[in-house]
Amino acid sequence: MGKLTIEERRRMNAARRTRPRAIAILAEPRDREAWRRRFGPVVGLIALGMSVIAAAQAGLPGLAWRLASTSLSASSLLEWLMPVLR
């Protein structure tokens, strides 16, 4: 990729200032660490939840409970979900 002209750089900077922050995080590679900090735990909890559901549906409630109870992420998920589910 070649160097940007001054006008191209100004347009890109203006676009960066006007778009929502979440889109900017997804679009800019230098902010990948910020994206991971913001969305990584959510993705991990979704994957863990899917594992627990799959184990329960397969008729393995012991495995589902072990997956849910041994993971620190799962315990925080359960702490967050319990008031919501009540």
Protein backbone atom coordinates (compact mmCIF):
# COMPACT_ATOMS: atom_id res chain seq x y z
CA MET A 1 0.00 0.00 0.00
CA GLY A 2 1.44 3.38 -1.01
CA LYS A 3 1.59 6.54 0.99
CA LEU A 4 -1.62 8.51 1.37
CA THR A 5 -1.92 12.02 0.09
CA ILE A 6 -2.69 14.77 2.58
CA GLU A 7 -6.28 14.99 1.33
CA GLU A 8 -6.81 11.21 1.67
CA ARG A 9 -5.42 11.30 5.19
CA ARG A 10 -7.74 14.18 6.13
CA ARG A 11 -10.76 12.29 4.77
CA MET A 12 -9.82 9.16 6.70
CA ASN A 13 -9.32 11.10 9.92
CA ALA A 14 -12.67 12.87 9.45
CA ALA A 15 -14.40 9.52 8.87
CA ARG A 16 -12.74 8.09 11.98
CA ARG A 17 -14.08 10.93 14.09
CA THR A 18 -17.65 10.62 12.83
CA ARG A 19 -18.27 6.88 12.99
CA PRO A 20 -19.33 5.15 16.20
CA ARG A 21 -16.53 3.95 18.47
CA ALA A 22 -17.46 0.24 18.23
CA ILE A 23 -17.19 0.33 14.45
CA ALA A 24 -13.89 2.15 14.72
CA ILE A 25 -12.57 -0.56 17.05
CA LEU A 26 -13.55 -3.28 14.59
CA ALA A 27 -12.17 -1.41 11.59
CA GLU A 28 -8.76 -0.38 12.88
CA PRO A 29 -6.15 -3.14 13.30
CA ARG A 30 -4.19 -1.19 15.90
CA ASP A 31 -7.24 -1.37 18.19
CA ARG A 32 -7.53 -5.16 18.11
CA GLU A 33 -6.38 -5.38 21.70
CA ALA A 34 -9.16 -2.99 22.70
CA TRP A 35 -11.61 -5.17 20.75
CA ARG A 36 -10.37 -8.27 22.58
CA ARG A 37 -10.69 -6.57 25.96
CA ARG A 38 -14.22 -5.43 25.18
CA PHE A 39 -15.69 -8.42 23.37
CA GLY A 40 -13.38 -11.34 24.23
CA PRO A 41 -15.09 -12.30 27.51
CA VAL A 42 -18.49 -12.23 25.81
CA VAL A 43 -17.29 -14.57 23.06
CA GLY A 44 -15.75 -16.89 25.66
CA LEU A 45 -18.94 -17.00 27.70
CA ILE A 46 -21.02 -17.73 24.62
CA ALA A 47 -18.71 -20.62 23.69
CA LEU A 48 -18.83 -21.96 27.24
CA GLY A 49 -22.61 -21.67 27.32
CA MET A 50 -22.87 -23.56 24.05
CA SER A 51 -20.67 -26.34 25.49
CA VAL A 52 -22.85 -26.61 28.58
CA ILE A 53 -26.05 -26.71 26.51
CA ALA A 54 -24.59 -29.32 24.14
CA ALA A 55 -23.54 -31.53 27.06
CA ALA A 56 -26.97 -31.22 28.67
CA GLN A 57 -28.77 -32.02 25.41
CA ALA A 58 -26.52 -35.04 24.87
CA GLY A 59 -27.77 -36.44 28.17
CA LEU A 60 -24.61 -35.71 30.14
CA PRO A 61 -25.80 -33.51 33.00
CA GLY A 62 -22.69 -34.30 35.08
CA LEU A 63 -20.43 -32.99 32.32
CA ALA A 64 -22.63 -29.95 31.82
CA TRP A 65 -22.48 -29.18 35.56
CA ARG A 66 -18.71 -29.71 35.66
CA LEU A 67 -18.21 -27.39 32.69
CA ALA A 68 -20.39 -24.76 34.28
CA SER A 69 -19.04 -25.02 37.82
CA THR A 70 -15.29 -25.40 37.27
CA SER A 71 -14.77 -22.41 35.01
CA LEU A 72 -14.29 -19.00 36.56
CA SER A 73 -15.97 -17.48 33.53
CA ALA A 74 -18.92 -19.80 34.02
CA SER A 75 -19.31 -18.78 37.64
CA SER A 76 -19.37 -15.12 36.66
CA LEU A 77 -21.86 -15.97 33.92
CA LEU A 78 -24.05 -17.81 36.40
CA GLU A 79 -23.82 -14.94 38.89
CA TRP A 80 -24.94 -12.59 36.14
CA LEU A 81 -27.67 -14.87 34.75
CA MET A 82 -29.30 -16.00 37.98
CA PRO A 83 -30.94 -12.64 38.80
CA VAL A 84 -31.96 -12.29 35.16
CA LEU A 85 -33.59 -15.74 35.09
CA ARG A 86 -35.48 -15.30 38.37
